[in-house]
Amino acid sequence: AVVSTQSTWGSNWVMEDNSSNLVDERRFRTHVDVEAMSISDFEGLERPVEREDDSHDEQCHRVTKLIIFGAISVILPGVCLYVGISYHYCEDSNADWLIAGGCLGYGNLSLYLLRKILQRFNIDCDCLLGLILLLVSPAILIWWVWGFSRIFSFSIFDDPVMDDPVCKEALFRFPFWLSLLPFIMGFTYIFYALCMCMYVCICS
């Protein structure tokens, strides 16, 4: 009985050894077969085809965003500073309002560029910059509401600035259209989105 038990154990050990060798041999053959495949074998595989229309639409979106970002963040604050400083002699509060708006605009732009630079160098300061933006963004909102309420409350018509044609053009008409700019941008964006939806529905 002892001999049969030992022989059975030996046969099991041999079977396990043979099975492990068979698995290793299969793995080796699979590895060799993969390395033996030429580049031409992979060329027949299906690849995702990029549509030229999609890349063109993405480029149009990027150019549009760049133009809007440049106009609002770079050009508009400079114009506000120029008008506010140049026509400060008119002694109207809209001149100070324009100077404050230009400073807030360039401050917001500086924070945005600083965040991009820090991200490029893998420096994590999002928490600090986020707290600063939480202070700057409400300040811009309060600045816009103050100018909008003064223009459209029609109290400015009683000010001496309306008697001077030059000061009226600089400190009334320019702030008038500047205060309407968020509404103009909103309607323009809605119109652009509707046009893009119609383009996709018609061309798809």
N, C-alpha and C. Protein backbone atom coordinates (compact mmCIF):
# COMPACT_ATOMS: atom_id res chain seq x y z
N ALA A 1 0.83 -1.21 0.00
CA ALA A 1 0.00 0.00 0.00
C ALA A 1 0.85 1.23 0.00
N VAL A 2 2.00 1.17 0.70
CA VAL A 2 2.88 2.33 0.76
C VAL A 2 3.49 2.60 -0.58
N VAL A 3 3.88 1.54 -1.28
CA VAL A 3 4.51 1.70 -2.59
C VAL A 3 3.55 2.30 -3.58
N SER A 4 2.30 1.86 -3.52
CA SER A 4 1.30 2.41 -4.46
C SER A 4 1.04 3.88 -4.19
N THR A 5 1.07 4.23 -2.92
CA THR A 5 0.85 5.65 -2.60
C THR A 5 1.98 6.49 -3.12
N GLN A 6 3.21 6.05 -2.96
CA GLN A 6 4.35 6.81 -3.45
C GLN A 6 4.35 6.90 -4.96
N SER A 7 3.96 5.81 -5.60
CA SER A 7 3.92 5.85 -7.07
C SER A 7 2.85 6.78 -7.56
N THR A 8 1.73 6.80 -6.87
CA THR A 8 0.66 7.74 -7.26
C THR A 8 1.10 9.17 -7.10
N TRP A 9 1.78 9.47 -6.00
CA TRP A 9 2.29 10.84 -5.77
C TRP A 9 3.31 11.22 -6.83
N GLY A 10 4.15 10.27 -7.21
CA GLY A 10 5.16 10.54 -8.23
C GLY A 10 4.54 10.80 -9.58
N SER A 11 3.50 10.02 -9.90
CA SER A 11 2.84 10.24 -11.19
C SER A 11 2.13 11.59 -11.23
N ASN A 12 1.54 11.99 -10.11
CA ASN A 12 0.89 13.31 -10.06
C ASN A 12 1.91 14.42 -10.22
N TRP A 13 3.07 14.24 -9.59
CA TRP A 13 4.12 15.27 -9.72
C TRP A 13 4.60 15.39 -11.15
N VAL A 14 4.72 14.24 -11.84
CA VAL A 14 5.15 14.25 -13.24
C VAL A 14 4.10 14.91 -14.12
N MET A 15 2.81 14.65 -13.86
CA MET A 15 1.73 15.26 -14.65
C MET A 15 1.71 16.77 -14.45
N GLU A 16 1.90 17.24 -13.20
CA GLU A 16 1.91 18.68 -12.96
C GLU A 16 3.10 19.33 -13.64
N ASP A 17 4.26 18.63 -13.62
CA ASP A 17 5.44 19.20 -14.26
C ASP A 17 5.23 19.29 -15.77
N ASN A 18 4.61 18.26 -16.36
CA ASN A 18 4.37 18.28 -17.80
C ASN A 18 3.38 19.38 -18.18
N SER A 19 2.35 19.58 -17.36
CA SER A 19 1.35 20.62 -17.66
C SER A 19 1.96 22.01 -17.58
N SER A 20 2.85 22.23 -16.60
CA SER A 20 3.49 23.54 -16.49
C SER A 20 4.42 23.79 -17.67
N ASN A 21 5.11 22.73 -18.11
CA ASN A 21 5.97 22.89 -19.29
C ASN A 21 5.16 23.19 -20.54
N LEU A 22 3.96 22.58 -20.63
CA LEU A 22 3.10 22.82 -21.79
C LEU A 22 2.60 24.26 -21.81
N VAL A 23 2.25 24.81 -20.65
CA VAL A 23 1.80 26.21 -20.57
C VAL A 23 2.92 27.15 -20.95
N ASP A 24 4.15 26.87 -20.44
CA ASP A 24 5.29 27.72 -20.80
C ASP A 24 5.58 27.65 -22.29
N GLU A 25 5.43 26.47 -22.87
CA GLU A 25 5.70 26.33 -24.31
C GLU A 25 4.68 27.10 -25.13
N ARG A 26 3.40 27.08 -24.69
CA ARG A 26 2.36 27.84 -25.40
C ARG A 26 2.62 29.34 -25.32
N ARG A 27 3.03 29.79 -24.14
CA ARG A 27 3.34 31.23 -23.97
C ARG A 27 4.51 31.62 -24.86
N PHE A 28 5.52 30.78 -24.94
CA PHE A 28 6.68 31.09 -25.76
C PHE A 28 6.30 31.15 -27.23
N ARG A 29 5.48 30.20 -27.69
CA ARG A 29 5.05 30.21 -29.08
C ARG A 29 4.22 31.45 -29.40
N THR A 30 3.34 31.81 -28.47
CA THR A 30 2.52 33.02 -28.70
C THR A 30 3.39 34.25 -28.79
N HIS A 31 4.40 34.36 -27.90
CA HIS A 31 5.30 35.50 -27.93
C HIS A 31 6.09 35.55 -29.23
N VAL A 32 6.55 34.37 -29.69
CA VAL A 32 7.31 34.33 -30.94
C VAL A 32 6.43 34.68 -32.13
N ASP A 33 5.16 34.20 -32.12
CA ASP A 33 4.26 34.49 -33.22
C ASP A 33 3.97 35.99 -33.31
N VAL A 34 3.81 36.67 -32.15
CA VAL A 34 3.53 38.11 -32.15
C VAL A 34 4.73 38.87 -32.68
N GLU A 35 5.95 38.47 -32.25
CA GLU A 35 7.13 39.17 -32.74
C GLU A 35 7.38 38.90 -34.22
N ALA A 36 6.93 37.73 -34.71
CA ALA A 36 7.15 37.40 -36.11
C ALA A 36 6.22 38.14 -37.05
N MET A 37 5.16 38.73 -36.51
CA MET A 37 4.22 39.48 -37.35
C MET A 37 4.92 40.72 -37.89
N SER A 38 4.78 40.93 -39.15
CA SER A 38 5.39 42.09 -39.80
C SER A 38 4.48 43.30 -39.66
N ILE A 39 5.04 44.44 -40.04
CA ILE A 39 4.27 45.68 -39.96
C ILE A 39 3.09 45.65 -40.92
N SER A 40 3.26 44.94 -42.02
CA SER A 40 2.17 44.88 -42.99
C SER A 40 0.95 44.19 -42.44
N ASP A 41 1.15 43.30 -41.44
CA ASP A 41 -0.01 42.64 -40.84
C ASP A 41 -0.87 43.61 -40.06
N PHE A 42 -0.26 44.67 -39.52
CA PHE A 42 -1.02 45.65 -38.75
C PHE A 42 -1.66 46.71 -39.63
N GLU A 43 -1.17 46.85 -40.85
CA GLU A 43 -1.73 47.87 -41.73
C GLU A 43 -3.15 47.55 -42.15
N GLY A 44 -3.50 46.27 -42.12
CA GLY A 44 -4.85 45.90 -42.51
C GLY A 44 -5.88 46.15 -41.44
N LEU A 45 -5.42 46.44 -40.23
CA LEU A 45 -6.37 46.70 -39.15
C LEU A 45 -7.10 48.00 -39.39
N GLU A 46 -8.34 48.06 -38.93
CA GLU A 46 -9.14 49.26 -39.12
C GLU A 46 -8.67 50.35 -38.18
N ARG A 47 -8.57 51.53 -38.69
CA ARG A 47 -8.17 52.69 -37.90
C ARG A 47 -9.30 53.70 -37.92
N PRO A 48 -9.45 54.42 -36.83
CA PRO A 48 -10.49 55.46 -36.83
C PRO A 48 -10.17 56.54 -37.84
N VAL A 49 -11.12 56.79 -38.70
CA VAL A 49 -10.95 57.78 -39.76
C VAL A 49 -11.42 59.13 -39.26
N GLU A 50 -10.53 60.10 -39.31
CA GLU A 50 -10.86 61.45 -38.89
C GLU A 50 -11.46 62.21 -40.06
N ARG A 51 -12.59 62.80 -39.82
CA ARG A 51 -13.24 63.59 -40.86
C ARG A 51 -12.61 64.96 -40.93
N GLU A 52 -12.42 65.41 -42.16
CA GLU A 52 -11.84 66.74 -42.34
C GLU A 52 -12.78 67.82 -41.85
N ASP A 53 -14.09 67.57 -41.94
CA ASP A 53 -15.06 68.57 -41.48
C ASP A 53 -14.96 68.79 -39.99
N ASP A 54 -14.72 67.69 -39.22
CA ASP A 54 -14.61 67.82 -37.77
C ASP A 54 -13.39 68.66 -37.39
N SER A 55 -12.24 68.39 -38.04
CA SER A 55 -11.05 69.18 -37.73
C SER A 55 -11.23 70.63 -38.13
N HIS A 56 -11.92 70.86 -39.24
CA HIS A 56 -12.17 72.25 -39.67
C HIS A 56 -13.08 72.97 -38.68
N ASP A 57 -14.10 72.28 -38.18
CA ASP A 57 -15.00 72.89 -37.19
C ASP A 57 -14.26 73.20 -35.90
N GLU A 58 -13.37 72.30 -35.47
CA GLU A 58 -12.59 72.56 -34.26
C GLU A 58 -11.69 73.77 -34.43
N GLN A 59 -11.08 73.92 -35.59
CA GLN A 59 -10.24 75.08 -35.85
C GLN A 59 -11.07 76.36 -35.84
N CYS A 60 -12.26 76.31 -36.40
CA CYS A 60 -13.13 77.50 -36.39
C CYS A 60 -13.51 77.87 -34.96
N HIS A 61 -13.82 76.88 -34.13
CA HIS A 61 -14.16 77.16 -32.73
C HIS A 61 -12.97 77.78 -32.00
N ARG A 62 -11.79 77.26 -32.23
CA ARG A 62 -10.60 77.80 -31.55
C ARG A 62 -10.32 79.23 -31.99
N VAL A 63 -10.43 79.50 -33.29
CA VAL A 63 -10.18 80.86 -33.78
C VAL A 63 -11.22 81.82 -33.22
N THR A 64 -12.49 81.39 -33.18
CA THR A 64 -13.55 82.25 -32.65
C THR A 64 -13.32 82.55 -31.17
N LYS A 65 -12.96 81.54 -30.40
CA LYS A 65 -12.69 81.76 -28.97
C LYS A 65 -11.49 82.67 -28.77
N LEU A 66 -10.46 82.50 -29.61
CA LEU A 66 -9.27 83.33 -29.49
C LEU A 66 -9.58 84.79 -29.79
N ILE A 67 -10.40 85.03 -30.82
CA ILE A 67 -10.77 86.40 -31.17
C ILE A 67 -11.59 87.05 -30.05
N ILE A 68 -12.57 86.31 -29.53
CA ILE A 68 -13.41 86.85 -28.46
C ILE A 68 -12.58 87.10 -27.20
N PHE A 69 -11.72 86.13 -26.86
CA PHE A 69 -10.89 86.29 -25.67
C PHE A 69 -9.94 87.47 -25.81
N GLY A 70 -9.33 87.63 -26.99
CA GLY A 70 -8.42 88.74 -27.20
C GLY A 70 -9.12 90.08 -27.17
N ALA A 71 -10.32 90.14 -27.77
CA ALA A 71 -11.05 91.40 -27.81
C ALA A 71 -11.52 91.84 -26.43
N ILE A 72 -11.99 90.89 -25.64
CA ILE A 72 -12.56 91.24 -24.33
C ILE A 72 -11.47 91.41 -23.28
N SER A 73 -10.49 90.53 -23.27
CA SER A 73 -9.51 90.52 -22.19
C SER A 73 -8.31 91.42 -22.43
N VAL A 74 -8.01 91.75 -23.68
CA VAL A 74 -6.81 92.54 -23.99
C VAL A 74 -7.17 93.92 -24.49
N ILE A 75 -8.04 93.99 -25.49
CA ILE A 75 -8.32 95.28 -26.15
C ILE A 75 -9.27 96.13 -25.33
N LEU A 76 -10.37 95.53 -24.86
CA LEU A 76 -11.41 96.32 -24.18
C LEU A 76 -10.92 96.99 -22.90
N PRO A 77 -10.18 96.32 -22.01
CA PRO A 77 -9.67 97.05 -20.83
C PRO A 77 -8.74 98.20 -21.19
N GLY A 78 -7.94 98.02 -22.26
CA GLY A 78 -7.07 99.11 -22.69
C GLY A 78 -7.86 100.31 -23.18
N VAL A 79 -8.95 100.04 -23.93
CA VAL A 79 -9.81 101.15 -24.39
C VAL A 79 -10.46 101.86 -23.21
N CYS A 80 -10.90 101.08 -22.21
CA CYS A 80 -11.51 101.69 -21.02
C CYS A 80 -10.51 102.60 -20.30
N LEU A 81 -9.28 102.15 -20.16
CA LEU A 81 -8.26 102.97 -19.50
C LEU A 81 -7.97 104.22 -20.32
N TYR A 82 -7.88 104.07 -21.62
CA TYR A 82 -7.58 105.22 -22.48
C TYR A 82 -8.67 106.28 -22.41
N VAL A 83 -9.91 105.85 -22.53
CA VAL A 83 -11.03 106.80 -22.50
C VAL A 83 -11.16 107.43 -21.13
N GLY A 84 -11.03 106.62 -20.07
CA GLY A 84 -11.18 107.16 -18.73
C GLY A 84 -10.11 108.17 -18.38
N ILE A 85 -8.86 107.90 -18.79
CA ILE A 85 -7.77 108.83 -18.48
C ILE A 85 -7.82 110.06 -19.38
N SER A 86 -8.10 109.85 -20.66
CA SER A 86 -8.09 110.97 -21.61
C SER A 86 -9.20 111.98 -21.34
N TYR A 87 -10.35 111.50 -20.89
CA TYR A 87 -11.49 112.39 -20.68
C TYR A 87 -11.81 112.55 -19.19
N HIS A 88 -10.79 112.41 -18.37
CA HIS A 88 -10.99 112.62 -16.95
C HIS A 88 -11.23 114.09 -16.62
N TYR A 89 -10.85 114.96 -17.55
CA TYR A 89 -11.05 116.40 -17.32
C TYR A 89 -12.53 116.77 -17.37
N CYS A 90 -13.38 115.89 -17.89
CA CYS A 90 -14.81 116.19 -17.93
C CYS A 90 -15.46 116.15 -16.55
N GLU A 91 -14.71 115.64 -15.57
CA GLU A 91 -15.18 115.61 -14.18
C GLU A 91 -16.51 114.88 -14.04
N ASP A 92 -16.55 113.66 -14.61
CA ASP A 92 -17.73 112.82 -14.48
C ASP A 92 -17.30 111.48 -13.89
N SER A 93 -18.20 110.88 -13.11
CA SER A 93 -17.86 109.63 -12.43
C SER A 93 -17.68 108.47 -13.41
N ASN A 94 -18.20 108.60 -14.63
CA ASN A 94 -18.01 107.53 -15.60
C ASN A 94 -16.54 107.37 -16.00
N ALA A 95 -15.77 108.45 -15.91
CA ALA A 95 -14.33 108.34 -16.20
C ALA A 95 -13.65 107.44 -15.17
N ASP A 96 -13.97 107.65 -13.90
CA ASP A 96 -13.42 106.78 -12.86
C ASP A 96 -13.93 105.34 -13.01
N TRP A 97 -15.17 105.22 -13.45
CA TRP A 97 -15.75 103.89 -13.66
C TRP A 97 -15.00 103.14 -14.76
N LEU A 98 -14.65 103.83 -15.83
CA LEU A 98 -13.91 103.19 -16.92
C LEU A 98 -12.49 102.81 -16.49
N ILE A 99 -11.84 103.67 -15.72
CA ILE A 99 -10.49 103.34 -15.24
C ILE A 99 -10.52 102.12 -14.33
N ALA A 100 -11.51 102.06 -13.44
CA ALA A 100 -11.63 100.90 -12.55
C ALA A 100 -11.91 99.63 -13.36
N GLY A 101 -12.73 99.74 -14.40
CA GLY A 101 -13.01 98.57 -15.23
C GLY A 101 -11.78 98.08 -15.97
N GLY A 102 -10.97 99.00 -16.48
CA GLY A 102 -9.74 98.59 -17.15
C GLY A 102 -8.77 97.90 -16.21
N CYS A 103 -8.66 98.41 -14.99
CA CYS A 103 -7.77 97.77 -14.00
C CYS A 103 -8.27 96.38 -13.61
N LEU A 104 -9.58 96.24 -13.44
CA LEU A 104 -10.14 94.93 -13.10
C LEU A 104 -9.96 93.94 -14.25
N GLY A 105 -10.14 94.42 -15.48
CA GLY A 105 -9.97 93.53 -16.63
C GLY A 105 -8.56 93.01 -16.77
N TYR A 106 -7.58 93.90 -16.65
CA TYR A 106 -6.19 93.45 -16.74
C TYR A 106 -5.77 92.63 -15.52
N GLY A 107 -6.36 92.90 -14.37
CA GLY A 107 -6.08 92.07 -13.20
C GLY A 107 -6.59 90.65 -13.38
N ASN A 108 -7.79 90.52 -13.94
CA ASN A 108 -8.34 89.20 -14.21
C ASN A 108 -7.51 88.46 -15.26
N LEU A 109 -7.07 89.19 -16.29
CA LEU A 109 -6.22 88.58 -17.32
C LEU A 109 -4.88 88.13 -16.74
N SER A 110 -4.31 88.93 -15.86
CA SER A 110 -3.03 88.56 -15.24
C SER A 110 -3.16 87.29 -14.41
N LEU A 111 -4.25 87.15 -13.69
CA LEU A 111 -4.46 85.93 -12.91
C LEU A 111 -4.62 84.71 -13.81
N TYR A 112 -5.31 84.88 -14.93
CA TYR A 112 -5.49 83.77 -15.87
C TYR A 112 -4.15 83.34 -16.45
N LEU A 113 -3.35 84.31 -16.89
CA LEU A 113 -2.04 83.97 -17.46
C LEU A 113 -1.10 83.37 -16.41
N LEU A 114 -1.18 83.88 -15.17
CA LEU A 114 -0.35 83.33 -14.10
C LEU A 114 -0.71 81.88 -13.83
N ARG A 115 -1.98 81.57 -13.87
CA ARG A 115 -2.41 80.19 -13.65
C ARG A 115 -1.90 79.28 -14.76
N LYS A 116 -1.95 79.73 -16.01
CA LYS A 116 -1.44 78.92 -17.12
C LYS A 116 0.06 78.69 -17.00
N ILE A 117 0.80 79.72 -16.58
CA ILE A 117 2.25 79.57 -16.44
C ILE A 117 2.59 78.59 -15.32
N LEU A 118 1.88 78.69 -14.20
CA LEU A 118 2.14 77.77 -13.10
C LEU A 118 1.78 76.34 -13.46
N GLN A 119 0.71 76.15 -14.23
CA GLN A 119 0.35 74.81 -14.67
C GLN A 119 1.40 74.23 -15.61
N ARG A 120 2.02 75.08 -16.41
CA ARG A 120 3.06 74.60 -17.32
C ARG A 120 4.28 74.08 -16.55
N PHE A 121 4.58 74.74 -15.42
CA PHE A 121 5.72 74.32 -14.59
C PHE A 121 5.31 73.35 -13.48
N ASN A 122 4.07 72.83 -13.57
CA ASN A 122 3.56 71.84 -12.61
C ASN A 122 3.59 72.36 -11.17
N ILE A 123 3.23 73.63 -11.01
CA ILE A 123 3.14 74.25 -9.68
C ILE A 123 1.66 74.38 -9.33
N ASP A 124 1.27 73.79 -8.22
CA ASP A 124 -0.13 73.76 -7.82
C ASP A 124 -0.44 74.96 -6.92
N CYS A 125 -1.08 75.97 -7.51
CA CYS A 125 -1.53 77.15 -6.74
C CYS A 125 -2.99 77.45 -7.05
N ASP A 126 -3.74 76.43 -7.43
CA ASP A 126 -5.13 76.65 -7.81
C ASP A 126 -5.97 77.16 -6.65
N CYS A 127 -5.64 76.72 -5.44
CA CYS A 127 -6.44 77.14 -4.29
C CYS A 127 -6.30 78.64 -4.05
N LEU A 128 -5.06 79.14 -4.07
CA LEU A 128 -4.82 80.56 -3.84
C LEU A 128 -5.39 81.41 -4.97
N LEU A 129 -5.16 80.99 -6.21
CA LEU A 129 -5.68 81.75 -7.33
C LEU A 129 -7.20 81.70 -7.38
N GLY A 130 -7.78 80.57 -6.96
CA GLY A 130 -9.23 80.48 -6.91
C GLY A 130 -9.83 81.45 -5.91
N LEU A 131 -9.18 81.61 -4.76
CA LEU A 131 -9.67 82.58 -3.77
C LEU A 131 -9.58 84.01 -4.30
N ILE A 132 -8.50 84.30 -5.02
CA ILE A 132 -8.35 85.65 -5.59
C ILE A 132 -9.41 85.90 -6.65
N LEU A 133 -9.67 84.87 -7.49
CA LEU A 133 -10.70 85.03 -8.52
C LEU A 133 -12.08 85.19 -7.91
N LEU A 134 -12.30 84.56 -6.76
CA LEU A 134 -13.59 84.75 -6.08
C LEU A 134 -13.79 86.18 -5.62
N LEU A 135 -12.69 86.90 -5.42
CA LEU A 135 -12.80 88.31 -5.05
C LEU A 135 -12.88 89.22 -6.28
N VAL A 136 -12.14 88.85 -7.35
CA VAL A 136 -12.11 89.70 -8.54
C VAL A 136 -13.42 89.60 -9.33
N SER A 137 -13.95 88.40 -9.48
CA SER A 137 -15.16 88.22 -10.29
C SER A 137 -16.36 88.96 -9.72
N PRO A 138 -16.67 88.88 -8.41
CA PRO A 138 -17.76 89.72 -7.89
C PRO A 138 -17.49 91.21 -8.04
N ALA A 139 -16.21 91.61 -7.95
CA ALA A 139 -15.89 93.02 -8.14
C ALA A 139 -16.23 93.47 -9.56
N ILE A 140 -15.95 92.63 -10.55
CA ILE A 140 -16.31 92.96 -11.94
C ILE A 140 -17.82 93.03 -12.09
N LEU A 141 -18.54 92.12 -11.45
CA LEU A 141 -20.00 92.14 -11.53
C LEU A 141 -20.57 93.41 -10.90
N ILE A 142 -20.05 93.77 -9.72
CA ILE A 142 -20.52 95.01 -9.07
C ILE A 142 -20.18 96.22 -9.92
N TRP A 143 -18.99 96.20 -10.52
CA TRP A 143 -18.59 97.31 -11.40
C TRP A 143 -19.55 97.45 -12.57
N TRP A 144 -19.93 96.36 -13.21
CA TRP A 144 -20.85 96.42 -14.34
C TRP A 144 -22.25 96.87 -13.91
N VAL A 145 -22.74 96.35 -12.79
CA VAL A 145 -24.08 96.72 -12.33
C VAL A 145 -24.14 98.22 -12.00
N TRP A 146 -23.08 98.76 -11.41
CA TRP A 146 -23.07 100.19 -11.09
C TRP A 146 -23.14 101.04 -12.36
N GLY A 147 -22.35 100.70 -13.36
CA GLY A 147 -22.38 101.46 -14.60
C GLY A 147 -23.70 101.30 -15.34
N PHE A 148 -24.24 100.10 -15.37
CA PHE A 148 -25.51 99.86 -16.06
C PHE A 148 -26.65 100.63 -15.40
N SER A 149 -26.67 100.60 -14.07
CA SER A 149 -27.75 101.30 -13.35
C SER A 149 -27.65 102.81 -13.54
N ARG A 150 -26.44 103.35 -13.62
CA ARG A 150 -26.30 104.79 -13.79
C ARG A 150 -26.70 105.21 -15.20
N ILE A 151 -26.36 104.41 -16.19
CA ILE A 151 -26.69 104.77 -17.56
C ILE A 151 -28.20 104.68 -17.79
N PHE A 152 -28.81 103.59 -17.35
CA PHE A 152 -30.21 103.34 -17.68
C PHE A 152 -31.18 103.84 -16.60
N SER A 153 -30.67 104.47 -15.58
CA SER A 153 -31.56 105.18 -14.67
C SER A 153 -31.85 106.59 -15.16
N PHE A 154 -31.14 107.00 -16.23
CA PHE A 154 -31.31 108.29 -16.89
C PHE A 154 -31.01 109.47 -15.97
N SER A 155 -30.32 109.21 -14.87
CA SER A 155 -29.92 110.31 -14.00
C SER A 155 -28.74 111.08 -14.58
N ILE A 156 -28.04 110.45 -15.52
CA ILE A 156 -26.88 111.10 -16.13
C ILE A 156 -27.28 112.26 -17.03
N PHE A 157 -28.54 112.27 -17.46
CA PHE A 157 -28.98 113.34 -18.36
C PHE A 157 -29.00 114.69 -17.66
N ASP A 158 -29.04 114.71 -16.35
CA ASP A 158 -29.03 115.96 -15.61
C ASP A 158 -27.62 116.44 -15.28
N ASP A 159 -26.59 115.65 -15.63
CA ASP A 159 -25.22 116.02 -15.31
C ASP A 159 -24.65 116.99 -16.35
N PRO A 160 -23.69 117.82 -15.95
CA PRO A 160 -23.09 118.78 -16.90
C PRO A 160 -22.34 118.11 -18.05
N VAL A 161 -21.99 116.82 -17.92
CA VAL A 161 -21.23 116.15 -18.97
C VAL A 161 -22.04 116.05 -20.26
N MET A 162 -23.35 116.08 -20.14
CA MET A 162 -24.19 115.97 -21.33
C MET A 162 -24.20 117.26 -22.14
N ASP A 163 -23.74 118.37 -21.56
CA ASP A 163 -23.71 119.64 -22.29
C ASP A 163 -22.51 119.74 -23.23
N ASP A 164 -21.48 118.98 -22.97
CA ASP A 164 -20.28 118.99 -23.82
C ASP A 164 -20.38 117.83 -24.81
N PRO A 165 -20.39 118.12 -26.13
CA PRO A 165 -20.55 117.02 -27.11
C PRO A 165 -19.42 116.01 -27.05
N VAL A 166 -18.19 116.45 -26.81
CA VAL A 166 -17.05 115.53 -26.78
C VAL A 166 -17.14 114.63 -25.55
N CYS A 167 -17.40 115.22 -24.40
CA CYS A 167 -17.52 114.43 -23.19
C CYS A 167 -18.73 113.50 -23.24
N LYS A 168 -19.77 113.93 -23.92
CA LYS A 168 -20.96 113.10 -24.05
C LYS A 168 -20.67 111.85 -24.86
N GLU A 169 -19.92 112.01 -25.95
CA GLU A 169 -19.57 110.85 -26.77
C GLU A 169 -18.67 109.87 -26.01
N ALA A 170 -17.74 110.39 -25.23
CA ALA A 170 -16.78 109.52 -24.56
C ALA A 170 -17.32 108.91 -23.28
N LEU A 171 -18.07 109.68 -22.52
CA LEU A 171 -18.48 109.23 -21.20
C LEU A 171 -19.96 108.87 -21.09
N PHE A 172 -20.67 108.96 -22.21
CA PHE A 172 -22.05 108.48 -22.20
C PHE A 172 -22.28 107.39 -23.24
N ARG A 173 -21.93 107.66 -24.49
CA ARG A 173 -22.22 106.68 -25.55
C ARG A 173 -21.33 105.43 -25.41
N PHE A 174 -20.05 105.63 -25.13
CA PHE A 174 -19.18 104.47 -24.95
C PHE A 174 -19.59 103.63 -23.75
N PRO A 175 -19.83 104.21 -22.55
CA PRO A 175 -20.33 103.38 -21.44
C PRO A 175 -21.70 102.77 -21.73
N PHE A 176 -22.51 103.45 -22.55
CA PHE A 176 -23.83 102.90 -22.89
C PHE A 176 -23.68 101.55 -23.60
N TRP A 177 -22.86 101.51 -24.66
CA TRP A 177 -22.67 100.27 -25.40
C TRP A 177 -21.83 99.27 -24.60
N LEU A 178 -20.95 99.76 -23.75
CA LEU A 178 -20.17 98.87 -22.91
C LEU A 178 -21.04 98.14 -21.89
N SER A 179 -22.01 98.83 -21.34
CA SER A 179 -22.92 98.18 -20.39
C SER A 179 -23.86 97.20 -21.07
N LEU A 180 -24.11 97.39 -22.36
CA LEU A 180 -24.96 96.45 -23.11
C LEU A 180 -24.17 95.28 -23.68
N LEU A 181 -22.86 95.30 -23.54
CA LEU A 181 -22.02 94.27 -24.16
C LEU A 181 -22.36 92.86 -23.68
N PRO A 182 -22.63 92.60 -22.39
CA PRO A 182 -23.00 91.22 -22.01
C PRO A 182 -24.24 90.71 -22.71
N PHE A 183 -25.24 91.59 -22.90
CA PHE A 183 -26.45 91.17 -23.60
C PHE A 183 -26.16 90.92 -25.08
N ILE A 184 -25.34 91.77 -25.68
CA ILE A 184 -24.98 91.58 -27.09
C ILE A 184 -24.22 90.27 -27.27
N MET A 185 -23.29 89.99 -26.36
CA MET A 185 -22.53 88.74 -26.46
C MET A 185 -23.43 87.53 -26.24
N GLY A 186 -24.38 87.65 -25.32
CA GLY A 186 -25.29 86.53 -25.07
C GLY A 186 -26.15 86.21 -26.28
N PHE A 187 -26.75 87.24 -26.89
CA PHE A 187 -27.57 87.02 -28.08
C PHE A 187 -26.72 86.53 -29.26
N THR A 188 -25.48 87.04 -29.36
CA THR A 188 -24.59 86.58 -30.44
C THR A 188 -24.24 85.11 -30.26
N TYR A 189 -23.99 84.71 -29.03
CA TYR A 189 -23.66 83.30 -28.77
C TYR A 189 -24.86 82.40 -29.07
N ILE A 190 -26.05 82.85 -28.70
CA ILE A 190 -27.25 82.05 -28.99
C ILE A 190 -27.45 81.93 -30.50
N PHE A 191 -27.27 83.05 -31.22
CA PHE A 191 -27.41 83.01 -32.68
C PHE A 191 -26.36 82.10 -33.30
N TYR A 192 -25.14 82.15 -32.81
CA TYR A 192 -24.07 81.29 -33.32
C TYR A 192 -24.37 79.82 -33.05
N ALA A 193 -24.89 79.52 -31.85
CA ALA A 193 -25.23 78.14 -31.52
C ALA A 193 -26.35 77.62 -32.40
N LEU A 194 -27.36 78.47 -32.67
CA LEU A 194 -28.45 78.05 -33.55
C LEU A 194 -27.96 77.81 -34.97
N CYS A 195 -27.07 78.66 -35.46
CA CYS A 195 -26.51 78.47 -36.80
C CYS A 195 -25.72 77.17 -36.87
N MET A 196 -24.93 76.85 -35.84
CA MET A 196 -24.17 75.62 -35.83
C MET A 196 -25.09 74.39 -35.77
N CYS A 197 -26.18 74.49 -35.02
CA CYS A 197 -27.13 73.39 -34.97
C CYS A 197 -27.79 73.15 -36.33
N MET A 198 -28.17 74.24 -37.00
CA MET A 198 -28.74 74.11 -38.33
C MET A 198 -27.73 73.54 -39.31
N TYR A 199 -26.47 73.94 -39.19
CA TYR A 199 -25.43 73.43 -40.09
C TYR A 199 -25.23 71.92 -39.88
N VAL A 200 -25.24 71.50 -38.61
CA VAL A 200 -25.05 70.08 -38.32
C VAL A 200 -26.25 69.26 -38.81
N CYS A 201 -27.46 69.80 -38.61
CA CYS A 201 -28.66 69.07 -39.02
C CYS A 201 -28.76 68.95 -40.54
N ILE A 202 -28.33 69.99 -41.25
CA ILE A 202 -28.45 69.97 -42.69
C ILE A 202 -27.35 69.12 -43.33
N CYS A 203 -26.12 69.25 -42.82
CA CYS A 203 -24.99 68.57 -43.44
C CYS A 203 -24.80 67.14 -42.97
N SER A 204 -25.43 66.77 -41.86
CA SER A 204 -25.24 65.40 -41.36
C SER A 204 -26.16 64.43 -42.07
